[in-house]
Amino acid sequence: MSVAAIQEVLPRRVVEPDGTPLDVFPLPTDPASLEELLRDIFENHWQDIVFGPLVPGAAWEMRADAAPSRISLFDGYLTVAFGVPHFHICVGETKGPHNRPTPPEIAAARRTSRAELYRTRERSCVPMSWGIRLYNGQGDQQITIFLPNPFIDRDTDKFLKAPDWSRLALWDKLRARWFGLTEPDPVDRSASRQIRADDRRALFFPSAGAPADGFLIKSPFTGGFHDCC
């Protein structure tokens, strides 16, 4: 099966229930594309990402200590294993065992029906975090993958004194692969270092119910400060 091509390159603005604005870039949801995406992320960039479900009231921040020991696809489920620990995501058609086949409506509910790159704009008009999200047919989140953040030190998980824009390399790579956008987006690098409070949860996880106060982001477009986009 050929990998689906993406035609839409302009982001869609989404406002989360807590008021957080996001730019969303839809990704293909055919099994070949999802397998390529997840294999690339976990085989080639496992050391750079944080991953796990992000749902109201819970944010999983998992980081791998080594490359996956196995990535496989069986009956529609992509398995990523780190030795004994592993997870499964239903990215394709699942039929279940021969003696107890999965009903079509249940299979459709389990399968990824929505995949997207996103960037969070927080309470400012400039991007502050970047990631990937997958949802099943019922609209339940399957996984969030947090991409390297130019404001956060990878080793200490603390704020940097100045943004390290090289940490957007993976985001730029994904934009080039899935949207044909080979030039970096200046919007991604438009924030100045004006973070007023050392609250990492608010930067990453406003949709999980973390506090969003304490950030003062200077917009280069007006020179002023903004509460929202």
C-alpha atoms as a PDB file:
ATOM      1  CA  MET A   1       0.000   0.000   0.000  1.00  0.00           C
ATOM      2  CA  SER A   2       1.348   3.399  -0.904  1.00  0.00           C
ATOM      3  CA  VAL A   3       1.759   5.964   1.828  1.00  0.00           C
ATOM      4  CA  ALA A   4      -0.933   8.621   1.691  1.00  0.00           C
ATOM      5  CA  ALA A   5       0.050  12.076   0.541  1.00  0.00           C
ATOM      6  CA  ILE A   6      -1.039  15.100   2.537  1.00  0.00           C
ATOM      7  CA  GLN A   7      -2.464  18.051   0.668  1.00  0.00           C
ATOM      8  CA  GLU A   8      -3.460  20.293   3.574  1.00  0.00           C
ATOM      9  CA  VAL A   9      -0.507  22.300   4.866  1.00  0.00           C
ATOM     10  CA  LEU A  10      -2.211  25.190   6.632  1.00  0.00           C
ATOM     11  CA  PRO A  11      -2.940  24.445  10.283  1.00  0.00           C
ATOM     12  CA  ARG A  12      -6.445  24.258  11.643  1.00  0.00           C
ATOM     13  CA  ARG A  13      -6.979  26.297  14.804  1.00  0.00           C
ATOM     14  CA  VAL A  14      -8.487  24.279  17.637  1.00  0.00           C
ATOM     15  CA  VAL A  15      -9.385  25.568  21.089  1.00  0.00           C
ATOM     16  CA  GLU A  16      -9.202  22.948  23.820  1.00  0.00           C
ATOM     17  CA  PRO A  17     -11.949  22.766  26.492  1.00  0.00           C
ATOM     18  CA  ASP A  18      -9.724  24.686  28.906  1.00  0.00           C
ATOM     19  CA  GLY A  19      -9.247  27.477  26.368  1.00  0.00           C
ATOM     20  CA  THR A  20      -5.796  26.463  25.116  1.00  0.00           C
ATOM     21  CA  PRO A  21      -5.351  27.319  21.419  1.00  0.00           C
ATOM     22  CA  LEU A  22      -3.627  24.740  19.221  1.00  0.00           C
ATOM     23  CA  ASP A  23      -2.519  24.668  15.608  1.00  0.00           C
ATOM     24  CA  VAL A  24      -3.384  21.217  14.237  1.00  0.00           C
ATOM     25  CA  PHE A  25      -1.904  19.661  11.087  1.00  0.00           C
ATOM     26  CA  PRO A  26      -3.879  16.512  10.114  1.00  0.00           C
ATOM     27  CA  LEU A  27      -1.856  13.391   9.257  1.00  0.00           C
ATOM     28  CA  PRO A  28      -2.955  10.363   7.226  1.00  0.00           C
ATOM     29  CA  THR A  29      -4.512   7.488   9.150  1.00  0.00           C
ATOM     30  CA  ASP A  30      -3.903   4.596   6.758  1.00  0.00           C
ATOM     31  CA  PRO A  31      -1.905   1.768   8.402  1.00  0.00           C
ATOM     32  CA  ALA A  32       1.188   2.190   6.213  1.00  0.00           C
ATOM     33  CA  SER A  33       1.524   5.880   7.059  1.00  0.00           C
ATOM     34  CA  LEU A  34       0.950   5.373  10.781  1.00  0.00           C
ATOM     35  CA  GLU A  35       3.443   2.514  10.904  1.00  0.00           C
ATOM     36  CA  GLU A  36       6.048   4.625   9.099  1.00  0.00           C
ATOM     37  CA  LEU A  37       5.427   7.563  11.419  1.00  0.00           C
ATOM     38  CA  LEU A  38       5.650   5.570  14.649  1.00  0.00           C
ATOM     39  CA  ARG A  39       8.583   3.434  13.507  1.00  0.00           C
ATOM     40  CA  ASP A  40      10.547   6.528  12.564  1.00  0.00           C
ATOM     41  CA  ILE A  41       9.806   8.244  15.872  1.00  0.00           C
ATOM     42  CA  PHE A  42      10.607   5.269  18.109  1.00  0.00           C
ATOM     43  CA  GLU A  43      13.456   3.753  16.104  1.00  0.00           C
ATOM     44  CA  ASN A  44      15.311   6.940  15.233  1.00  0.00           C
ATOM     45  CA  HIS A  45      14.264   9.483  17.861  1.00  0.00           C
ATOM     46  CA  TRP A  46      13.466   7.461  20.990  1.00  0.00           C
ATOM     47  CA  GLN A  47      16.056   9.405  22.992  1.00  0.00           C
ATOM     48  CA  ASP A  48      14.455  12.754  22.146  1.00  0.00           C
ATOM     49  CA  ILE A  49      10.785  12.199  22.906  1.00  0.00           C
ATOM     50  CA  VAL A  50       8.449  11.984  25.871  1.00  0.00           C
ATOM     51  CA  PHE A  51       5.315   9.918  25.331  1.00  0.00           C
ATOM     52  CA  GLY A  52       2.162   8.588  26.911  1.00  0.00           C
ATOM     53  CA  PRO A  53      -1.542   9.374  27.136  1.00  0.00           C
ATOM     54  CA  LEU A  54      -2.559  12.949  27.868  1.00  0.00           C
ATOM     55  CA  VAL A  55      -6.145  13.046  29.103  1.00  0.00           C
ATOM     56  CA  PRO A  56      -8.087  15.335  31.439  1.00  0.00           C
ATOM     57  CA  GLY A  57      -6.639  14.808  34.888  1.00  0.00           C
ATOM     58  CA  ALA A  58      -3.660  12.678  33.831  1.00  0.00           C
ATOM     59  CA  ALA A  59      -0.429  13.293  31.923  1.00  0.00           C
ATOM     60  CA  TRP A  60       1.984  10.402  31.381  1.00  0.00           C
ATOM     61  CA  GLU A  61       5.576  11.541  30.771  1.00  0.00           C
ATOM     62  CA  MET A  62       7.446   8.385  29.765  1.00  0.00           C
ATOM     63  CA  ARG A  63      10.994   8.454  28.426  1.00  0.00           C
ATOM     64  CA  ALA A  64      12.825   5.412  27.048  1.00  0.00           C
ATOM     65  CA  ASP A  65      16.237   4.445  28.417  1.00  0.00           C
ATOM     66  CA  ALA A  66      17.168   2.584  25.225  1.00  0.00           C
ATOM     67  CA  ALA A  67      15.962   1.941  21.705  1.00  0.00           C
ATOM     68  CA  PRO A  68      12.955  -0.368  21.349  1.00  0.00           C
ATOM     69  CA  SER A  69      13.808  -4.052  21.413  1.00  0.00           C
ATOM     70  CA  ARG A  70      10.971  -4.759  19.008  1.00  0.00           C
ATOM     71  CA  ILE A  71       8.456  -2.936  16.820  1.00  0.00           C
ATOM     72  CA  SER A  72       5.947  -5.192  15.120  1.00  0.00           C
ATOM     73  CA  LEU A  73       2.531  -5.123  13.489  1.00  0.00           C
ATOM     74  CA  PHE A  74      -0.017  -7.897  14.022  1.00  0.00           C
ATOM     75  CA  ASP A  75      -3.772  -7.914  13.446  1.00  0.00           C
ATOM     76  CA  GLY A  76      -3.812  -4.155  13.091  1.00  0.00           C
ATOM     77  CA  TYR A  77      -1.909  -3.488  16.332  1.00  0.00           C
ATOM     78  CA  LEU A  78       1.497  -1.831  16.290  1.00  0.00           C
ATOM     79  CA  THR A  79       3.537  -3.012  19.261  1.00  0.00           C
ATOM     80  CA  VAL A  80       6.515  -1.039  20.578  1.00  0.00           C
ATOM     81  CA  ALA A  81       8.479  -3.043  23.154  1.00  0.00           C
ATOM     82  CA  PHE A  82      11.308  -1.993  25.449  1.00  0.00           C
ATOM     83  CA  GLY A  83      12.222  -5.427  26.701  1.00  0.00           C
ATOM     84  CA  VAL A  84       9.264  -6.550  28.807  1.00  0.00           C
ATOM     85  CA  PRO A  85       7.490  -3.144  28.980  1.00  0.00           C
ATOM     86  CA  HIS A  86       5.529  -2.449  25.815  1.00  0.00           C
ATOM     87  CA  PHE A  87       2.430  -0.823  24.427  1.00  0.00           C
ATOM     88  CA  HIS A  88       0.002  -1.550  21.587  1.00  0.00           C
ATOM     89  CA  ILE A  89      -1.813   0.902  19.326  1.00  0.00           C
ATOM     90  CA  CYS A  90      -4.486  -0.225  16.891  1.00  0.00           C
ATOM     91  CA  VAL A  91      -3.525   1.484  13.628  1.00  0.00           C
ATOM     92  CA  GLY A  92      -5.220  -0.831  11.122  1.00  0.00           C
ATOM     93  CA  GLU A  93      -7.934  -3.382  10.587  1.00  0.00           C
ATOM     94  CA  THR A  94      -8.230  -5.800  13.497  1.00  0.00           C
ATOM     95  CA  LYS A  95     -10.131  -9.055  13.123  1.00  0.00           C
ATOM     96  CA  GLY A  96      -9.480 -10.782  16.440  1.00  0.00           C
ATOM     97  CA  PRO A  97      -9.046 -14.554  16.920  1.00  0.00           C
ATOM     98  CA  HIS A  98     -10.695 -16.954  14.485  1.00  0.00           C
ATOM     99  CA  ASN A  99     -12.929 -18.452  17.168  1.00  0.00           C
ATOM    100  CA  ARG A 100     -14.036 -15.041  18.425  1.00  0.00           C
ATOM    101  CA  PRO A 101     -13.794 -12.412  15.684  1.00  0.00           C
ATOM    102  CA  THR A 102     -13.997  -8.761  16.613  1.00  0.00           C
ATOM    103  CA  PRO A 103     -17.341  -7.191  15.614  1.00  0.00           C
ATOM    104  CA  PRO A 104     -16.847  -4.541  12.902  1.00  0.00           C
ATOM    105  CA  GLU A 105     -18.211  -1.720  15.048  1.00  0.00           C
ATOM    106  CA  ILE A 106     -15.786  -2.537  17.858  1.00  0.00           C
ATOM    107  CA  ALA A 107     -12.885  -2.865  15.418  1.00  0.00           C
ATOM    108  CA  ALA A 108     -13.714   0.559  13.977  1.00  0.00           C
ATOM    109  CA  ALA A 109     -13.840   2.092  17.461  1.00  0.00           C
ATOM    110  CA  ARG A 110     -10.391   0.730  18.313  1.00  0.00           C
ATOM    111  CA  ARG A 111      -8.606   1.817  15.161  1.00  0.00           C
ATOM    112  CA  THR A 112      -6.835   5.164  14.772  1.00  0.00           C
ATOM    113  CA  SER A 113      -9.249   7.530  13.068  1.00  0.00           C
ATOM    114  CA  ARG A 114      -7.424  10.801  13.687  1.00  0.00           C
ATOM    115  CA  ALA A 115      -3.728  11.632  13.711  1.00  0.00           C
ATOM    116  CA  GLU A 116      -2.123  15.036  13.833  1.00  0.00           C
ATOM    117  CA  LEU A 117       0.900  17.159  14.425  1.00  0.00           C
ATOM    118  CA  TYR A 118       0.104  20.011  16.764  1.00  0.00           C
ATOM    119  CA  ARG A 119       1.705  23.000  18.357  1.00  0.00           C
ATOM    120  CA  THR A 120       0.367  24.611  21.508  1.00  0.00           C
ATOM    121  CA  ARG A 121       0.170  28.371  21.685  1.00  0.00           C
ATOM    122  CA  GLU A 122      -0.678  28.509  25.363  1.00  0.00           C
ATOM    123  CA  ARG A 123      -1.892  31.921  26.506  1.00  0.00           C
ATOM    124  CA  SER A 124       0.286  33.739  23.975  1.00  0.00           C
ATOM    125  CA  CYS A 125       0.236  34.161  20.238  1.00  0.00           C
ATOM    126  CA  VAL A 126       3.422  32.146  19.709  1.00  0.00           C
ATOM    127  CA  PRO A 127       4.025  28.377  19.815  1.00  0.00           C
ATOM    128  CA  MET A 128       5.305  26.955  23.105  1.00  0.00           C
ATOM    129  CA  SER A 129       5.187  23.159  22.657  1.00  0.00           C
ATOM    130  CA  TRP A 130       5.027  20.672  19.781  1.00  0.00           C
ATOM    131  CA  GLY A 131       3.810  17.102  19.455  1.00  0.00           C
ATOM    132  CA  ILE A 132       1.906  14.262  17.799  1.00  0.00           C
ATOM    133  CA  ARG A 133      -1.509  12.936  18.845  1.00  0.00           C
ATOM    134  CA  LEU A 134      -3.461   9.839  17.821  1.00  0.00           C
ATOM    135  CA  TYR A 135      -7.147   9.156  18.572  1.00  0.00           C
ATOM    136  CA  ASN A 136      -9.290   6.081  18.044  1.00  0.00           C
ATOM    137  CA  GLY A 137     -12.679   5.840  16.372  1.00  0.00           C
ATOM    138  CA  GLN A 138     -14.467   6.843  19.570  1.00  0.00           C
ATOM    139  CA  GLY A 139     -12.394   9.988  19.948  1.00  0.00           C
ATOM    140  CA  ASP A 140     -10.329   8.564  22.828  1.00  0.00           C
ATOM    141  CA  GLN A 141      -6.681   9.482  22.809  1.00  0.00           C
ATOM    142  CA  GLN A 142      -4.314   6.616  22.031  1.00  0.00           C
ATOM    143  CA  ILE A 143      -1.026   8.442  22.564  1.00  0.00           C
ATOM    144  CA  THR A 144       0.613  11.844  22.704  1.00  0.00           C
ATOM    145  CA  ILE A 145       4.255  12.140  21.687  1.00  0.00           C
ATOM    146  CA  PHE A 146       5.917  15.286  23.003  1.00  0.00           C
ATOM    147  CA  LEU A 147       8.631  16.462  20.622  1.00  0.00           C
ATOM    148  CA  PRO A 148      11.839  18.196  21.742  1.00  0.00           C
ATOM    149  CA  ASN A 149      11.056  21.611  23.139  1.00  0.00           C
ATOM    150  CA  PRO A 150      13.437  24.565  22.576  1.00  0.00           C
ATOM    151  CA  PHE A 151      12.577  25.973  26.004  1.00  0.00           C
ATOM    152  CA  ILE A 152      13.337  22.790  27.973  1.00  0.00           C
ATOM    153  CA  ASP A 153      16.702  21.153  28.672  1.00  0.00           C
ATOM    154  CA  ARG A 154      16.522  17.502  27.646  1.00  0.00           C
ATOM    155  CA  ASP A 155      18.675  16.197  30.515  1.00  0.00           C
ATOM    156  CA  THR A 156      17.482  18.336  33.424  1.00  0.00           C
ATOM    157  CA  ASP A 157      13.891  19.014  32.291  1.00  0.00           C
ATOM    158  CA  LYS A 158      14.342  22.619  33.396  1.00  0.00           C
ATOM    159  CA  PHE A 159      13.838  25.832  31.480  1.00  0.00           C
ATOM    160  CA  LEU A 160      16.751  27.019  29.357  1.00  0.00           C
ATOM    161  CA  LYS A 161      18.047  30.537  29.775  1.00  0.00           C
ATOM    162  CA  ALA A 162      17.511  31.085  26.060  1.00  0.00           C
ATOM    163  CA  PRO A 163      15.605  29.018  23.482  1.00  0.00           C
ATOM    164  CA  ASP A 164      17.589  26.323  21.695  1.00  0.00           C
ATOM    165  CA  TRP A 165      15.950  26.372  18.277  1.00  0.00           C
ATOM    166  CA  SER A 166      17.963  23.343  17.138  1.00  0.00           C
ATOM    167  CA  ARG A 167      15.558  21.290  19.238  1.00  0.00           C
ATOM    168  CA  LEU A 168      12.895  21.920  16.601  1.00  0.00           C
ATOM    169  CA  ALA A 169      14.823  19.741  14.135  1.00  0.00           C
ATOM    170  CA  LEU A 170      12.475  16.772  14.570  1.00  0.00           C
ATOM    171  CA  TRP A 171       9.398  18.982  14.152  1.00  0.00           C
ATOM    172  CA  ASP A 172      10.937  20.421  10.976  1.00  0.00           C
ATOM    173  CA  LYS A 173      11.724  16.921   9.716  1.00  0.00           C
ATOM    174  CA  LEU A 174       8.127  15.798  10.225  1.00  0.00           C
ATOM    175  CA  ARG A 175       6.764  18.892   8.459  1.00  0.00           C
ATOM    176  CA  ALA A 176       9.051  18.171   5.512  1.00  0.00           C
ATOM    177  CA  ARG A 177       8.163  14.473   5.335  1.00  0.00           C
ATOM    178  CA  TRP A 178       4.398  14.724   5.702  1.00  0.00           C
ATOM    179  CA  PHE A 179       3.652  18.126   4.197  1.00  0.00           C
ATOM    180  CA  GLY A 180       6.559  18.817   1.859  1.00  0.00           C
ATOM    181  CA  LEU A 181       7.446  21.944   3.862  1.00  0.00           C
ATOM    182  CA  THR A 182      11.220  21.956   3.581  1.00  0.00           C
ATOM    183  CA  GLU A 183      11.776  25.431   5.040  1.00  0.00           C
ATOM    184  CA  PRO A 184      11.362  26.030   8.787  1.00  0.00           C
ATOM    185  CA  ASP A 185       8.278  28.002   9.798  1.00  0.00           C
ATOM    186  CA  PRO A 186       9.326  31.356  11.324  1.00  0.00           C
ATOM    187  CA  VAL A 187       6.231  31.208  13.538  1.00  0.00           C
ATOM    188  CA  ASP A 188       7.759  28.264  15.414  1.00  0.00           C
ATOM    189  CA  ARG A 189      10.719  30.441  16.381  1.00  0.00           C
ATOM    190  CA  SER A 190       8.830  33.622  17.185  1.00  0.00           C
ATOM    191  CA  ALA A 191       8.817  33.485  21.002  1.00  0.00           C
ATOM    192  CA  SER A 192      11.231  35.495  23.076  1.00  0.00           C
ATOM    193  CA  ARG A 193      12.397  34.247  26.466  1.00  0.00           C
ATOM    194  CA  GLN A 194       9.849  35.904  28.746  1.00  0.00           C
ATOM    195  CA  ILE A 195       8.669  33.002  30.929  1.00  0.00           C
ATOM    196  CA  ARG A 196       7.784  34.364  34.331  1.00  0.00           C
ATOM    197  CA  ALA A 197       7.200  31.214  36.369  1.00  0.00           C
ATOM    198  CA  ASP A 198       9.106  27.916  36.516  1.00  0.00           C
ATOM    199  CA  ASP A 199       6.066  25.686  36.021  1.00  0.00           C
ATOM    200  CA  ARG A 200       6.814  23.076  33.393  1.00  0.00           C
ATOM    201  CA  ARG A 201       3.377  21.473  33.704  1.00  0.00           C
ATOM    202  CA  ALA A 202       1.669  24.620  32.536  1.00  0.00           C
ATOM    203  CA  LEU A 203       3.932  24.804  29.498  1.00  0.00           C
ATOM    204  CA  PHE A 204       3.296  21.236  28.394  1.00  0.00           C
ATOM    205  CA  PHE A 205       0.010  20.034  29.809  1.00  0.00           C
ATOM    206  CA  PRO A 206      -2.741  22.671  30.088  1.00  0.00           C
ATOM    207  CA  SER A 207      -5.281  20.250  28.620  1.00  0.00           C
ATOM    208  CA  ALA A 208      -4.588  17.754  31.386  1.00  0.00           C
ATOM    209  CA  GLY A 209      -5.798  20.244  33.956  1.00  0.00           C
ATOM    210  CA  ALA A 210      -2.440  21.738  34.978  1.00  0.00           C
ATOM    211  CA  PRO A 211      -2.390  25.425  35.931  1.00  0.00           C
ATOM    212  CA  ALA A 212      -1.731  27.818  33.068  1.00  0.00           C
ATOM    213  CA  ASP A 213      -0.900  30.928  35.099  1.00  0.00           C
ATOM    214  CA  GLY A 214       2.490  32.565  35.435  1.00  0.00           C
ATOM    215  CA  PHE A 215       3.584  32.861  31.812  1.00  0.00           C
ATOM    216  CA  LEU A 216       4.345  36.123  30.129  1.00  0.00           C
ATOM    217  CA  ILE A 217       5.241  35.604  26.479  1.00  0.00           C
ATOM    218  CA  LYS A 218       6.378  38.569  24.438  1.00  0.00           C
ATOM    219  CA  SER A 219       4.963  38.612  20.939  1.00  0.00           C
ATOM    220  CA  PRO A 220       7.446  39.764  18.267  1.00  0.00           C
ATOM    221  CA  PHE A 221       4.541  40.778  16.046  1.00  0.00           C
ATOM    222  CA  THR A 222       3.465  43.728  18.194  1.00  0.00           C
ATOM    223  CA  GLY A 223       6.135  44.054  20.844  1.00  0.00           C
ATOM    224  CA  GLY A 224       3.444  43.728  23.491  1.00  0.00           C
ATOM    225  CA  PHE A 225       2.161  41.005  25.768  1.00  0.00           C
ATOM    226  CA  HIS A 226      -0.934  38.914  25.146  1.00  0.00           C
ATOM    227  CA  ASP A 227      -3.210  36.635  27.117  1.00  0.00           C
ATOM    228  CA  CYS A 228      -4.389  34.597  24.118  1.00  0.00           C
ATOM    229  CA  CYS A 229      -4.283  34.293  20.327  1.00  0.00           C
END
